[in-house]
Amino acid sequence: MAADVQPKRKSIWARIRDMFGELKKVTWPTVKTVLASTSIVIAVAVFFLILAMGVDGLFGYLYDLLTKGIQGGV
C-alpha cells in the first residue's frame, strides 16, 4: 500500500533564489542584436502597413466605381 506522499513546498525566499539562479543561466542578447531585430520588426510592420493601405485604397476606389456606376445607370 502506497503511503500518501505530498511534495514539500518551498518558501518564497527559496523560490526567489531559484528564480535568480535560473536567470543567471540565460544567454542575454547583445544591444546590437536587439537593435537589429527591432529594426527588422519595424521595417516589416511598415511594409505591411503600406500594403494594407494600398489594398484599402484600391477597394475603396472599386467600391466608388461600383456605387457611382449603379447610381448613374438608374
Protein backbone atom coordinates (compact mmCIF):
# COMPACT_ATOMS: atom_id res chain seq x y z
CA MET A 1 0.00 0.00 0.00
CA ALA A 2 1.40 3.38 -1.06
CA ALA A 3 1.78 5.99 1.60
CA ASP A 4 0.39 9.43 0.94
CA VAL A 5 3.44 11.46 -0.02
CA GLN A 6 2.92 15.15 -0.52
CA PRO A 7 5.55 17.26 -2.27
CA LYS A 8 7.47 19.57 0.02
CA ARG A 9 6.60 23.22 -0.52
CA LYS A 10 9.40 25.73 -0.92
CA SER A 11 9.40 29.01 0.93
CA ILE A 12 9.00 32.24 -1.02
CA TRP A 13 12.68 33.08 -0.46
CA ALA A 14 13.78 29.72 -1.84
CA ARG A 15 11.65 30.31 -4.93
CA ILE A 16 13.14 33.79 -5.42
CA ARG A 17 16.68 32.40 -5.00
CA ASP A 18 15.90 29.68 -7.58
CA MET A 19 14.49 32.27 -9.96
CA PHE A 20 17.66 34.37 -9.84
CA GLY A 21 19.73 31.22 -10.27
CA GLU A 22 17.84 30.41 -13.46
CA LEU A 23 18.19 34.00 -14.72
CA LYS A 24 21.98 33.68 -14.42
CA LYS A 25 21.85 30.76 -16.86
CA VAL A 26 20.08 32.80 -19.56
CA THR A 27 22.10 33.90 -22.58
CA TRP A 28 21.08 37.52 -22.99
CA PRO A 29 21.28 39.15 -26.45
CA THR A 30 23.67 41.99 -27.09
CA VAL A 31 22.45 45.53 -27.71
CA LYS A 32 23.49 45.20 -31.35
CA THR A 33 21.34 42.07 -31.77
CA VAL A 34 18.34 43.70 -30.10
CA LEU A 35 18.59 46.80 -32.29
CA ALA A 36 18.94 44.71 -35.45
CA SER A 37 15.92 42.59 -34.56
CA THR A 38 13.88 45.65 -33.64
CA SER A 39 14.69 47.39 -36.91
CA ILE A 40 13.64 44.29 -38.88
CA VAL A 41 10.33 44.13 -36.99
CA ILE A 42 9.65 47.84 -37.62
CA ALA A 43 10.52 47.50 -41.33
CA VAL A 44 8.18 44.53 -41.77
CA ALA A 45 5.39 46.33 -39.88
CA VAL A 46 5.76 49.44 -42.07
CA PHE A 47 5.77 47.28 -45.22
CA PHE A 48 2.52 45.57 -44.25
CA LEU A 49 1.01 48.93 -43.20
CA ILE A 50 1.70 50.35 -46.67
CA LEU A 51 0.39 47.16 -48.28
CA ALA A 52 -2.83 47.27 -46.24
CA MET A 53 -3.34 50.97 -47.02
CA GLY A 54 -2.86 50.27 -50.73
CA VAL A 55 -5.36 47.40 -50.72
CA ASP A 56 -7.83 49.53 -48.74
CA GLY A 57 -7.45 52.38 -51.22
CA LEU A 58 -7.93 50.01 -54.15
CA PHE A 59 -11.09 48.51 -52.66
CA GLY A 60 -12.39 52.00 -51.85
CA TYR A 61 -11.80 53.10 -55.42
CA LEU A 62 -13.52 49.99 -56.81
CA TYR A 63 -16.45 50.49 -54.42
CA ASP A 64 -16.84 54.10 -55.57
CA LEU A 65 -16.79 52.99 -59.21
CA LEU A 66 -19.42 50.34 -58.48
CA THR A 67 -21.77 52.58 -56.50
CA LYS A 68 -21.48 55.58 -58.82
CA GLY A 69 -21.95 53.29 -61.82
CA ILE A 70 -25.14 51.85 -60.32
CA GLN A 71 -26.50 55.28 -59.40
CA GLY A 72 -25.66 56.78 -62.79
CA GLY A 73 -27.29 53.92 -64.73
CA VAL A 74 -30.65 54.13 -62.96
